[in-house]
Amino acid sequence: MISKSDYMMFLRHPAWLWLKKNDPKKLPPVDENTQAMFDTGHQFEPYAESLFPEGATLGFSDYDEYLSLPERTQDAINRGEQVLFQPCFEWQEFTCICDIVSFVGDKEVDLYEIKASTSAKTEHEFDLAFQTAVLEGSGLRVRNIYVIHVNNQYVRSGPIEADKITHIKDITKKVRAKGELTVKYMPMALEVAKQPKMPNPNPYLAKLGSKQEWLKVYENIVPTEKQVWPEDTEPVINHAEIKQFLGELKYPLYFLDYETMSGLLPYFDGHRPYQQVPFQYSLHVLQSPEAELEWKEYLHRENSDPSRQLTERLIEDIGTEGSVIVWYEGFEKARNSELGEMLTEYKEAMEAINERVVDLMIPFKQKWYDDPRFNGSASIKQVLPVLCPELSYKDLGIQEGGSAQRLWMEAILDDKRTNQKEQIMSDLIEYCKLDTLAMVEIYKCLKSLS
């Protein structure tokens, strides 16, 4: 049978559905960062369900319960339950488990989908159009269709309030507009699942913003050889622009990078859903062109809001003069502004820091320094191996920001990694330190050119 998750997989890429049904070993396992994201989404469901206190929970915890879910759903309907959580409906060769179904009349229902996103998206419309087709095919009438999503403007103050952290969006018209396409696509999905040969897996056929995610699957299907560049590969350099860019920097130079916590459910008062709140920074300092490189850092180690202690230490460490150098200024400047909003006594100081920020990515984004080995990207992870191959993240215990965030939150806020805590703290320091050291070395490379 084709479930709603199967159907959505088909819409993202037909080859994805075929693999799931016919060759699932080629699908990469879910990594820890992705699993943590799924877990966060599940944490949101009880807050959405609490909006319906009369709801009866069905669902399943093992395979036998899954198999009995359609029968248990019908039993609940026969008992006269008005609101069902995780009921299952079947029609022909299609099946769906709905998040919330509310009976509003004789065989007439309102349909609710719970999503951990901060808005209703196009993919949700396709998801709910599939559910609507199954429900109406099985003999129900669907009146109104809603998405219950996260209200990211909610600011926690005390216990989390379900009616404030949630937002209900009526998307009935948009879902109904997908009706004809859904009737067309459902049998196509079924046909793809049954066919003997995998559809064309070309990544350019990926839809609904799934290309990057599909590429991870595609690499399992069609392993790509590491590109070897000719020895005479050379960058294209605009010396004049780089010289002018560097000439506007003012000493001391402060190379700054944050690591941040973020969760759907705010951990502390004053925080919003999904807000990126710094818990760590690394700061390399060049007082003058001839000075030795200095290094300062802060890492929050307590299960408490890191905002105040980090902000106070940063203001002390970063002074009031000199350029503050970051990579992708939008991120660090947004964090500084948010810290200033949360701690109003430091608002002026944080905005003053923002006025000093210079984005070291600019020469690469503007193609003043362009190298085919960057693979068309201005990411520091692409630029660093080309300009400074002696520096590498490969030997570090933590190698990217998603893992840094997850491991700190698990070790400090969730108390999940007691035996690993000190090692995680050490790995975090080394990872964040390399981020700012990388900027220092890239700066030196640019300086040597000008």
Protein backbone atom coordinates (compact mmCIF):
# COMPACT_ATOMS: atom_id res chain seq x y z
CA MET A 1 0.00 0.00 0.00
CA ILE A 2 1.01 3.61 -0.50
CA SER A 3 1.09 5.65 2.71
CA LYS A 4 1.16 9.43 2.88
CA SER A 5 4.91 9.34 3.62
CA ASP A 6 5.36 7.11 0.54
CA TYR A 7 3.34 9.56 -1.52
CA MET A 8 5.37 12.55 -0.35
CA MET A 9 8.55 10.62 -1.11
CA PHE A 10 7.24 10.06 -4.65
CA LEU A 11 6.54 13.77 -5.08
CA ARG A 12 10.06 14.67 -3.95
CA HIS A 13 11.65 12.16 -6.30
CA PRO A 14 10.02 9.04 -7.83
CA ALA A 15 13.28 7.10 -7.47
CA TRP A 16 13.15 7.74 -3.72
CA LEU A 17 9.84 5.87 -3.39
CA TRP A 18 11.07 3.06 -5.63
CA LEU A 19 14.15 2.54 -3.46
CA LYS A 20 12.11 2.48 -0.26
CA LYS A 21 9.81 -0.20 -1.65
CA ASN A 22 12.32 -2.24 -3.65
CA ASP A 23 15.91 -1.63 -2.50
CA PRO A 24 15.83 0.08 0.91
CA LYS A 25 19.43 -0.88 1.75
CA LYS A 26 20.58 1.84 -0.65
CA LEU A 27 18.89 4.51 1.45
CA PRO A 28 21.43 6.05 3.85
CA PRO A 29 20.71 5.60 7.56
CA VAL A 30 19.24 8.54 9.45
CA ASP A 31 22.12 10.45 11.06
CA GLU A 32 22.04 11.71 14.64
CA ASN A 33 21.39 15.34 13.69
CA THR A 34 18.40 14.38 11.53
CA GLN A 35 17.05 12.07 14.23
CA ALA A 36 17.32 14.90 16.77
CA MET A 37 15.25 17.07 14.43
CA PHE A 38 12.57 14.34 14.18
CA ASP A 39 12.53 13.99 17.97
CA THR A 40 12.02 17.72 18.37
CA GLY A 41 9.03 17.56 16.05
CA HIS A 42 7.48 14.81 18.17
CA GLN A 43 7.86 17.03 21.26
CA PHE A 44 5.54 19.56 19.63
CA GLU A 45 2.67 17.13 19.08
CA PRO A 46 1.36 17.07 22.69
CA TYR A 47 1.01 20.87 22.70
CA ALA A 48 -1.07 20.76 19.51
CA GLU A 49 -3.16 17.84 20.78
CA SER A 50 -3.82 19.62 24.09
CA LEU A 51 -5.91 22.14 22.11
CA PHE A 52 -8.44 19.29 21.82
CA PRO A 53 -8.97 18.05 25.41
CA GLU A 54 -11.73 15.65 24.29
CA GLY A 55 -9.35 13.83 21.92
CA ALA A 56 -8.92 10.04 22.00
CA THR A 57 -5.40 8.78 21.22
CA LEU A 58 -5.04 5.81 18.88
CA GLY A 59 -1.63 5.49 17.22
CA PHE A 60 0.76 2.56 17.67
CA SER A 61 3.97 1.59 19.45
CA ASP A 62 4.72 -1.72 17.71
CA TYR A 63 3.93 -3.51 14.47
CA ASP A 64 0.93 -5.43 15.82
CA GLU A 65 -0.66 -2.17 17.01
CA TYR A 66 0.06 -0.66 13.59
CA LEU A 67 -1.75 -3.51 11.85
CA SER A 68 -4.76 -3.12 14.14
CA LEU A 69 -4.96 0.66 13.77
CA PRO A 70 -7.61 0.79 11.00
CA GLU A 71 -9.87 -1.52 13.03
CA ARG A 72 -9.29 0.44 16.23
CA THR A 73 -10.06 3.64 14.33
CA GLN A 74 -13.41 2.28 13.20
CA ASP A 75 -14.16 1.08 16.74
CA ALA A 76 -13.51 4.59 18.09
CA ILE A 77 -15.83 6.08 15.46
CA ASN A 78 -18.52 3.54 16.35
CA ARG A 79 -18.17 4.51 20.04
CA GLY A 80 -18.94 8.10 19.09
CA GLU A 81 -15.50 9.61 19.77
CA GLN A 82 -15.57 13.13 18.38
CA VAL A 83 -11.80 13.84 18.09
CA LEU A 84 -9.23 11.20 17.14
CA PHE A 85 -5.46 11.48 17.44
CA GLN A 86 -3.52 9.36 14.90
CA PRO A 87 -6.44 7.46 13.37
CA CYS A 88 -5.75 5.36 10.28
CA PHE A 89 -7.91 5.22 7.16
CA GLU A 90 -7.60 3.01 4.08
CA TRP A 91 -8.99 3.30 0.58
CA GLN A 92 -8.11 0.98 -2.28
CA GLU A 93 -4.29 0.66 -2.14
CA PHE A 94 -3.74 3.86 -0.17
CA THR A 95 -3.50 4.42 3.57
CA CYS A 96 -2.90 7.39 5.83
CA ILE A 97 -2.48 8.04 9.53
CA CYS A 98 -3.88 11.49 10.23
CA ASP A 99 -2.68 13.68 13.08
CA ILE A 100 -6.10 14.92 14.21
CA VAL A 101 -9.57 14.21 12.83
CA SER A 102 -12.49 16.09 14.41
CA PHE A 103 -16.05 14.97 13.65
CA VAL A 104 -18.33 17.94 13.01
CA GLY A 105 -21.36 16.09 11.67
CA ASP A 106 -22.56 12.75 10.38
CA LYS A 107 -19.52 11.37 8.53
CA GLU A 108 -18.21 14.93 8.22
CA VAL A 109 -14.81 15.91 9.65
CA ASP A 110 -12.27 18.68 9.99
CA LEU A 111 -8.70 17.56 9.28
CA TYR A 112 -5.64 18.88 11.15
CA GLU A 113 -1.98 18.24 10.39
CA ILE A 114 0.66 19.01 13.06
CA LYS A 115 3.89 20.41 11.63
CA ALA A 116 7.03 21.50 13.48
CA SER A 117 7.67 24.23 10.90
CA THR A 118 6.96 27.91 11.54
CA SER A 119 4.47 28.24 8.67
CA ALA A 120 2.21 26.19 6.41
CA LYS A 121 4.17 25.14 3.32
CA THR A 122 3.35 23.92 -0.18
CA GLU A 123 4.41 20.37 0.70
CA HIS A 124 1.84 20.39 3.51
CA GLU A 125 -0.87 21.10 0.96
CA PHE A 126 0.10 18.01 -1.05
CA ASP A 127 0.29 15.94 2.15
CA LEU A 128 -3.21 16.99 3.23
CA ALA A 129 -4.60 16.61 -0.29
CA PHE A 130 -3.53 12.94 -0.16
CA GLN A 131 -5.15 12.49 3.25
CA THR A 132 -8.33 14.17 2.03
CA ALA A 133 -8.51 11.82 -0.96
CA VAL A 134 -8.15 8.77 1.27
CA LEU A 135 -10.71 9.99 3.82
CA GLU A 136 -13.27 10.91 1.19
CA GLY A 137 -12.59 7.69 -0.72
CA SER A 138 -13.36 5.77 2.47
CA GLY A 139 -16.73 7.47 2.86
CA LEU A 140 -16.12 10.62 4.94
CA ARG A 141 -16.63 14.24 3.94
CA VAL A 142 -13.81 16.66 4.77
CA ARG A 143 -15.13 20.11 5.63
CA ASN A 144 -12.13 22.23 6.64
CA ILE A 145 -8.40 21.51 6.51
CA TYR A 146 -5.81 23.03 8.84
CA VAL A 147 -2.11 23.02 9.64
CA ILE A 148 -1.11 23.49 13.28
CA HIS A 149 2.41 24.92 13.16
CA VAL A 150 4.87 26.60 15.51
CA ASN A 151 4.40 30.26 16.38
CA ASN A 152 8.00 31.48 16.30
CA GLN A 153 6.99 34.88 17.73
CA TYR A 154 6.03 33.28 21.03
CA VAL A 155 8.34 34.29 23.88
CA ARG A 156 8.46 31.90 26.79
CA SER A 157 7.56 33.27 30.22
CA GLY A 158 7.04 30.49 32.70
CA PRO A 159 5.56 27.14 31.62
CA ILE A 160 5.09 26.78 27.86
CA GLU A 161 1.55 27.78 26.85
CA ALA A 162 0.08 25.45 24.24
CA ASP A 163 -2.36 28.00 22.83
CA LYS A 164 0.45 30.52 22.29
CA ILE A 165 3.25 28.33 20.93
CA THR A 166 0.85 26.93 18.32
CA HIS A 167 -0.82 28.63 15.37
CA ILE A 168 -3.71 27.13 13.38
CA LYS A 169 -3.76 27.96 9.66
CA ASP A 170 -6.78 27.23 7.46
CA ILE A 171 -5.49 25.95 4.09
CA THR A 172 -8.72 24.36 2.84
CA LYS A 173 -8.79 26.24 -0.47
CA LYS A 174 -5.14 25.53 -1.25
CA VAL A 175 -5.56 21.83 -0.50
CA ARG A 176 -8.70 21.60 -2.62
CA ALA A 177 -6.80 23.27 -5.47
CA LYS A 178 -4.38 20.33 -5.39
CA GLY A 179 -7.23 17.84 -5.76
CA GLU A 180 -6.93 17.14 -9.50
CA LEU A 181 -3.15 16.74 -9.31
CA THR A 182 -3.55 14.37 -6.37
CA VAL A 183 -6.00 12.17 -8.27
CA LYS A 184 -3.41 12.06 -11.09
CA TYR A 185 -0.33 11.48 -8.92
CA MET A 186 -1.66 8.80 -6.54
CA PRO A 187 -1.90 6.02 -9.16
CA MET A 188 1.44 7.17 -10.60
CA ALA A 189 3.06 6.66 -7.19
CA LEU A 190 1.53 3.19 -6.99
CA GLU A 191 2.82 2.35 -10.46
CA VAL A 192 6.35 3.53 -9.61
CA ALA A 193 6.40 1.42 -6.44
CA LYS A 194 5.44 -1.71 -8.42
CA GLN A 195 7.63 -1.27 -11.49
CA PRO A 196 10.71 -3.54 -11.83
CA LYS A 197 13.22 -0.80 -12.66
CA MET A 198 14.17 2.33 -10.72
CA PRO A 199 13.09 5.62 -12.36
CA ASN A 200 15.76 8.08 -13.50
CA PRO A 201 17.53 9.16 -10.28
CA ASN A 202 18.90 12.41 -11.71
CA PRO A 203 19.07 15.00 -8.87
CA TYR A 204 17.65 17.67 -11.16
CA LEU A 205 14.31 15.83 -11.04
CA ALA A 206 14.01 16.40 -7.27
CA LYS A 207 11.03 18.57 -6.28
CA LEU A 208 9.67 20.41 -3.23
CA GLY A 209 13.09 21.70 -2.22
CA SER A 210 14.49 18.21 -1.68
CA LYS A 211 17.52 18.33 -3.99
CA GLN A 212 20.18 18.56 -1.28
CA GLU A 213 18.59 15.77 0.73
CA TRP A 214 18.21 13.60 -2.36
CA LEU A 215 21.87 14.10 -3.26
CA LYS A 216 22.82 12.15 -0.11
CA VAL A 217 20.72 9.25 -1.41
CA TYR A 218 22.03 9.69 -4.95
CA GLU A 219 25.62 9.29 -3.78
CA ASN A 220 24.69 5.82 -2.50
CA ILE A 221 23.26 4.89 -5.89
CA VAL A 222 25.85 6.48 -8.15
CA PRO A 223 29.15 6.83 -6.23
CA THR A 224 31.07 9.82 -7.53
CA GLU A 225 34.82 9.87 -7.87
CA LYS A 226 36.67 12.61 -6.08
CA GLN A 227 37.53 15.33 -8.56
CA VAL A 228 41.23 15.70 -9.26
CA TRP A 229 42.15 19.17 -10.43
CA PRO A 230 45.05 19.73 -12.85
CA GLU A 231 48.27 20.85 -11.18
CA ASP A 232 48.19 24.13 -13.09
CA THR A 233 44.73 25.10 -11.73
CA GLU A 234 44.94 28.76 -10.77
CA PRO A 235 42.57 31.21 -9.04
CA VAL A 236 41.29 34.39 -10.64
CA ILE A 237 42.24 37.32 -8.38
CA ASN A 238 41.13 40.95 -8.42
CA HIS A 239 44.05 42.46 -6.53
CA ALA A 240 42.68 46.00 -6.51
CA GLU A 241 39.34 45.06 -4.90
CA ILE A 242 41.03 42.86 -2.30
CA LYS A 243 43.51 45.62 -1.43
CA GLN A 244 40.68 48.13 -0.98
CA PHE A 245 38.67 45.67 1.12
CA LEU A 246 41.56 44.94 3.47
CA GLY A 247 42.55 48.60 3.61
CA GLU A 248 39.25 49.44 5.30
CA LEU A 249 39.95 47.11 8.25
CA LYS A 250 40.96 48.74 11.51
CA TYR A 251 43.22 47.22 14.15
CA PRO A 252 42.84 45.53 16.53
CA LEU A 253 41.27 42.77 14.41
CA TYR A 254 38.83 40.49 16.25
CA PHE A 255 37.96 37.24 14.48
CA LEU A 256 34.64 36.08 15.98
CA ASP A 257 32.56 32.91 15.64
CA TYR A 258 29.51 31.72 17.62
CA GLU A 259 28.08 28.30 18.30
CA THR A 260 24.40 28.38 19.20
CA MET A 261 21.63 26.42 20.87
CA SER A 262 18.23 26.16 19.23
CA GLY A 263 15.08 24.19 19.95
CA LEU A 264 11.45 24.13 18.93
CA LEU A 265 10.51 24.31 22.60
CA PRO A 266 12.31 27.24 24.25
CA TYR A 267 14.41 26.04 27.17
CA PHE A 268 14.47 29.35 29.05
CA ASP A 269 12.29 32.40 29.66
CA GLY A 270 12.85 35.12 27.09
CA HIS A 271 13.64 32.63 24.30
CA ARG A 272 11.55 31.99 21.18
CA PRO A 273 11.03 28.71 19.27
CA TYR A 274 14.01 27.96 17.03
CA GLN A 275 15.87 31.06 18.23
CA GLN A 276 19.62 30.66 17.78
CA VAL A 277 21.10 31.64 21.16
CA PRO A 278 24.92 31.64 21.47
CA PHE A 279 26.40 29.37 24.13
CA GLN A 280 30.02 29.65 22.92
CA TYR A 281 32.36 31.93 21.06
CA SER A 282 35.93 31.87 19.85
CA LEU A 283 37.83 35.12 19.43
CA HIS A 284 41.25 35.41 17.83
CA VAL A 285 42.81 38.87 18.15
CA LEU A 286 45.52 40.69 16.18
CA GLN A 287 46.38 43.90 18.01
CA SER A 288 48.58 45.13 15.12
CA PRO A 289 50.11 43.78 11.88
CA GLU A 290 53.24 42.70 13.78
CA ALA A 291 51.58 41.44 16.98
CA GLU A 292 51.39 37.82 18.04
CA LEU A 293 48.00 36.21 17.63
CA GLU A 294 45.91 36.11 20.84
CA TRP A 295 43.01 33.78 21.54
CA LYS A 296 40.04 34.19 23.87
CA GLU A 297 36.99 31.99 24.28
CA TYR A 298 33.81 31.40 26.21
CA LEU A 299 31.91 28.13 26.63
CA HIS A 300 28.82 27.92 28.83
CA ARG A 301 28.99 24.79 31.01
CA GLU A 302 25.87 25.08 33.19
CA ASN A 303 22.24 24.13 32.60
CA SER A 304 21.12 27.76 32.52
CA ASP A 305 20.48 30.50 29.99
CA PRO A 306 23.91 31.33 28.53
CA SER A 307 22.88 34.75 27.19
CA ARG A 308 23.93 37.06 30.01
CA GLN A 309 27.25 35.48 30.94
CA LEU A 310 28.32 35.14 27.31
CA THR A 311 27.31 38.72 26.47
CA GLU A 312 29.13 40.20 29.43
CA ARG A 313 32.30 38.25 28.66
CA LEU A 314 32.17 39.16 24.95
CA ILE A 315 31.82 42.87 25.66
CA GLU A 316 34.82 42.64 27.96
CA ASP A 317 36.92 40.66 25.46
CA ILE A 318 36.09 42.53 22.26
CA GLY A 319 36.70 46.12 23.37
CA THR A 320 35.28 49.16 21.63
CA GLU A 321 37.73 49.71 18.76
CA GLY A 322 38.83 47.69 15.77
CA SER A 323 37.14 45.55 13.11
CA VAL A 324 35.15 42.48 14.12
CA ILE A 325 35.70 39.90 11.38
CA VAL A 326 33.16 37.12 10.80
CA TRP A 327 32.18 34.73 8.00
CA TYR A 328 28.63 35.43 6.83
CA GLU A 329 27.79 38.55 8.79
CA GLY A 330 24.03 38.00 8.72
CA PHE A 331 24.30 35.26 11.33
CA GLU A 332 26.58 36.89 13.91
CA LYS A 333 24.93 40.30 13.58
CA ALA A 334 21.47 38.79 14.09
CA ARG A 335 22.70 37.03 17.25
CA ASN A 336 24.17 40.27 18.57
CA SER A 337 20.94 42.16 17.94
CA GLU A 338 18.88 39.45 19.64
CA LEU A 339 21.18 39.42 22.67
CA GLY A 340 20.75 43.19 22.88
CA GLU A 341 16.97 42.83 22.72
CA MET A 342 16.97 40.17 25.44
CA LEU A 343 19.40 42.11 27.68
CA THR A 344 18.33 45.69 27.14
CA GLU A 345 21.13 47.13 29.27
CA TYR A 346 23.58 45.77 26.67
CA LYS A 347 21.59 46.72 23.56
CA GLU A 348 23.76 49.76 22.78
CA ALA A 349 27.00 47.81 23.28
CA MET A 350 25.88 44.95 21.01
CA GLU A 351 24.74 47.31 18.27
CA ALA A 352 28.11 49.07 18.53
CA ILE A 353 29.81 45.71 17.95
CA ASN A 354 27.60 45.17 14.89
CA GLU A 355 28.73 48.50 13.45
CA ARG A 356 32.30 47.16 13.52
CA VAL A 357 31.51 43.85 11.80
CA VAL A 358 33.22 43.04 8.49
CA ASP A 359 32.35 39.92 6.49
CA LEU A 360 35.47 38.05 5.34
CA MET A 361 33.31 36.06 2.94
CA ILE A 362 32.81 39.13 0.72
CA PRO A 363 35.99 38.76 -1.42
CA PHE A 364 34.94 35.18 -2.23
CA LYS A 365 31.24 35.87 -2.64
CA GLN A 366 32.04 38.79 -4.97
CA LYS A 367 34.52 36.59 -6.89
CA TRP A 368 37.45 38.90 -6.19
CA TYR A 369 39.17 35.67 -5.30
CA ASP A 370 37.67 32.82 -7.29
CA ASP A 371 38.99 29.30 -7.67
CA PRO A 372 37.24 26.40 -9.45
CA ARG A 373 38.22 24.19 -6.49
CA PHE A 374 35.71 26.15 -4.38
CA ASN A 375 33.02 24.30 -6.40
CA GLY A 376 31.11 27.54 -6.87
CA SER A 377 30.72 28.08 -3.12
CA ALA A 378 31.90 30.84 -0.78
CA SER A 379 31.55 28.60 2.28
CA ILE A 380 34.55 28.57 4.58
CA LYS A 381 34.46 24.76 4.41
CA GLN A 382 35.13 25.05 0.64
CA VAL A 383 37.58 27.95 0.73
CA LEU A 384 39.80 26.76 3.59
CA PRO A 385 41.08 23.46 2.06
CA VAL A 386 42.20 25.36 -1.05
CA LEU A 387 43.86 28.36 0.60
CA CYS A 388 45.08 26.67 3.79
CA PRO A 389 45.26 22.89 3.21
CA GLU A 390 47.29 22.47 6.40
CA LEU A 391 44.16 23.30 8.43
CA SER A 392 41.48 20.61 8.51
CA TYR A 393 38.33 19.73 10.43
CA LYS A 394 38.70 16.04 9.57
CA ASP A 395 40.66 15.09 12.68
CA LEU A 396 38.38 16.93 15.12
CA GLY A 397 35.88 15.23 17.40
CA ILE A 398 33.25 17.71 16.15
CA GLN A 399 33.43 18.71 12.49
CA GLU A 400 30.36 20.84 11.76
CA GLY A 401 27.95 23.21 13.46
CA GLY A 402 24.92 20.93 13.58
CA SER A 403 26.77 18.38 15.69
CA ALA A 404 28.23 21.13 17.90
CA GLN A 405 24.74 22.39 18.69
CA ARG A 406 23.23 18.95 19.26
CA LEU A 407 26.05 17.61 21.45
CA TRP A 408 26.20 20.71 23.67
CA MET A 409 22.43 20.65 24.20
CA GLU A 410 22.43 16.93 24.98
CA ALA A 411 25.38 17.20 27.38
CA ILE A 412 24.41 20.43 29.17
CA LEU A 413 20.64 20.91 28.85
CA ASP A 414 19.32 17.36 28.45
CA ASP A 415 21.78 15.55 30.74
CA LYS A 416 22.08 12.72 28.21
CA ARG A 417 25.85 12.35 27.93
CA THR A 418 27.18 12.47 31.48
CA ASN A 419 30.16 10.21 30.78
CA GLN A 420 31.09 12.14 27.63
CA LYS A 421 30.53 15.66 28.91
CA GLU A 422 34.16 16.69 29.42
CA GLN A 423 35.23 15.25 26.08
CA ILE A 424 32.38 17.10 24.34
CA MET A 425 33.40 20.36 26.01
CA SER A 426 36.98 19.85 24.85
CA ASP A 427 35.85 19.01 21.30
CA LEU A 428 33.63 22.10 21.20
CA ILE A 429 36.53 24.34 22.16
CA GLU A 430 38.77 22.90 19.46
CA TYR A 431 36.05 23.10 16.80
CA CYS A 432 35.09 26.71 17.47
CA LYS A 433 38.77 27.68 17.79
CA LEU A 434 39.49 26.30 14.33
CA ASP A 435 36.63 28.35 12.86
CA THR A 436 38.27 31.62 13.90
CA LEU A 437 41.83 30.42 13.24
CA ALA A 438 40.69 29.56 9.73
CA MET A 439 39.54 33.15 9.24
CA VAL A 440 42.91 34.43 10.50
CA GLU A 441 44.83 32.29 8.02
CA ILE A 442 42.52 33.17 5.12
CA TYR A 443 42.96 36.85 6.03
CA LYS A 444 46.74 36.39 5.95
CA CYS A 445 46.49 34.77 2.50
CA LEU A 446 44.50 37.72 1.19
CA LYS A 447 46.90 40.19 2.83
CA SER A 448 49.87 38.57 1.12
CA LEU A 449 48.18 39.21 -2.23
CA SER A 450 47.55 42.90 -1.66
